Amino acid sequence: MSNNLIFIGDLAKRTGVNPKTIRYYEEINLLPKPKRERNNYRFYSHDTVTRLNFIKKAQSLGFTLKEIKEILALRDRGFKPCTHVRGLFRQRVINLEQKLA
C-alpha cells in the first residue's frame, strides 16, 4: 500500500465524517470510488480529505448534497464553479426574501 493512501477510519477521524456517511457519499457519487486492495479494504487519497472538508463546509453554508454534487462535477470537469455557486446563493437570497415577505 502506498503511503499516500489512508483507511476509511483514518479518513473519518481527519474529517469528522462518519464512515457510514463516507460510504453513502460514494454510493451517490459525491466521492470517487476508493481504491481497494486484496483484503477489500477501502483506501483513500489525501484529495478525498480535501473533498470531504469542502462538502462539510458547503453543507454548513446551507448547500444541499445535490447542489454540492453539481459544484464538484463542474470542478471535476475542469470548470471553475464560481458562477454556478453565485447563482445558487442568489436563488437562496430570493427564497429567503420571499419567506420573510
Protein backbone atom coordinates (compact mmCIF):
# COMPACT_ATOMS: atom_id res chain seq x y z
CA MET A 1 0.00 0.00 0.00
CA SER A 2 1.24 3.48 -0.83
CA ASN A 3 1.94 5.98 1.94
CA ASN A 4 -0.39 8.36 0.14
CA LEU A 5 -3.44 6.21 0.83
CA ILE A 6 -5.45 6.10 4.05
CA PHE A 7 -8.05 3.75 5.52
CA ILE A 8 -11.69 4.80 5.92
CA GLY A 9 -11.25 5.04 9.71
CA ASP A 10 -8.37 7.48 9.30
CA LEU A 11 -10.38 9.46 6.76
CA ALA A 12 -13.29 9.63 9.21
CA LYS A 13 -11.01 10.85 12.03
CA ARG A 14 -9.34 13.50 9.87
CA THR A 15 -12.61 14.92 8.60
CA GLY A 16 -15.08 14.22 11.40
CA VAL A 17 -17.34 12.39 8.93
CA ASN A 18 -18.81 9.04 9.96
CA PRO A 19 -17.63 6.04 7.87
CA LYS A 20 -21.27 5.22 7.02
CA THR A 21 -21.66 8.74 5.64
CA ILE A 22 -18.46 8.36 3.62
CA ARG A 23 -19.79 5.12 2.09
CA TYR A 24 -23.11 6.85 1.35
CA TYR A 25 -21.29 9.70 -0.41
CA GLU A 26 -19.53 7.09 -2.54
CA GLU A 27 -22.89 5.47 -3.33
CA ILE A 28 -24.37 8.75 -4.60
CA ASN A 29 -21.13 9.59 -6.47
CA LEU A 30 -20.30 12.60 -4.31
CA LEU A 31 -16.95 10.93 -3.61
CA PRO A 32 -15.00 8.90 -6.13
CA LYS A 33 -14.90 5.15 -5.62
CA PRO A 34 -11.89 4.33 -3.43
CA LYS A 35 -9.04 2.05 -4.35
CA ARG A 36 -9.28 -1.42 -2.91
CA GLU A 37 -6.52 -3.83 -2.02
CA ARG A 38 -6.65 -7.63 -1.93
CA ASN A 39 -8.25 -7.55 1.53
CA ASN A 40 -11.07 -5.43 0.01
CA TYR A 41 -10.41 -2.56 2.43
CA ARG A 42 -11.08 0.90 1.08
CA PHE A 43 -8.05 3.17 0.61
CA TYR A 44 -8.48 6.87 0.01
CA SER A 45 -6.18 9.53 -1.34
CA HIS A 46 -5.46 12.71 0.57
CA ASP A 47 -7.54 14.51 -2.09
CA THR A 48 -10.56 12.80 -0.54
CA VAL A 49 -9.81 14.57 2.77
CA THR A 50 -9.94 17.90 0.93
CA ARG A 51 -13.14 16.95 -0.88
CA LEU A 52 -14.88 15.84 2.32
CA ASN A 53 -13.84 19.04 4.08
CA PHE A 54 -15.33 21.00 1.17
CA ILE A 55 -18.57 19.02 1.42
CA LYS A 56 -18.82 19.73 5.15
CA LYS A 57 -18.13 23.45 4.64
CA ALA A 58 -20.68 23.69 1.82
CA GLN A 59 -23.29 21.95 3.99
CA SER A 60 -22.60 24.39 6.81
CA LEU A 61 -23.37 27.19 4.35
CA GLY A 62 -26.73 25.60 3.57
CA PHE A 63 -25.97 23.83 0.31
CA THR A 64 -27.79 20.56 -0.32
CA LEU A 65 -25.95 17.41 -1.33
CA LYS A 66 -27.46 17.79 -4.82
CA GLU A 67 -26.04 21.32 -5.12
CA ILE A 68 -22.67 20.22 -3.77
CA LYS A 69 -22.60 17.40 -6.29
CA GLU A 70 -23.26 19.90 -9.11
CA ILE A 71 -20.44 22.16 -7.88
CA LEU A 72 -17.98 19.28 -7.59
CA ALA A 73 -18.98 17.90 -11.00
CA LEU A 74 -18.16 21.25 -12.61
CA ARG A 75 -14.81 21.34 -10.86
CA ASP A 76 -14.07 17.73 -11.81
CA ARG A 77 -14.68 18.61 -15.46
CA GLY A 78 -12.11 21.42 -15.22
CA PHE A 79 -14.51 24.35 -14.86
CA LYS A 80 -14.42 26.98 -12.14
CA PRO A 81 -17.81 26.68 -10.43
CA CYS A 82 -17.83 30.26 -9.07
CA THR A 83 -20.62 31.48 -11.37
CA HIS A 84 -22.77 28.47 -10.50
CA VAL A 85 -22.19 28.99 -6.77
CA ARG A 86 -23.10 32.69 -7.03
CA GLY A 87 -26.31 31.70 -8.81
CA LEU A 88 -27.17 29.25 -6.05
CA PHE A 89 -26.57 31.92 -3.41
CA ARG A 90 -28.69 34.45 -5.34
CA GLN A 91 -31.54 31.94 -5.51
CA ARG A 92 -31.18 31.26 -1.79
CA VAL A 93 -31.42 35.01 -1.04
CA ILE A 94 -34.52 35.32 -3.23
CA ASN A 95 -36.14 32.37 -1.43
CA LEU A 96 -35.34 33.85 1.99
CA GLU A 97 -36.72 37.25 0.98
CA GLN A 98 -39.94 35.58 -0.21
CA LYS A 99 -40.28 33.73 3.10
CA LEU A 100 -39.76 36.93 5.05
CA ALA A 101 -42.33 38.85 2.99
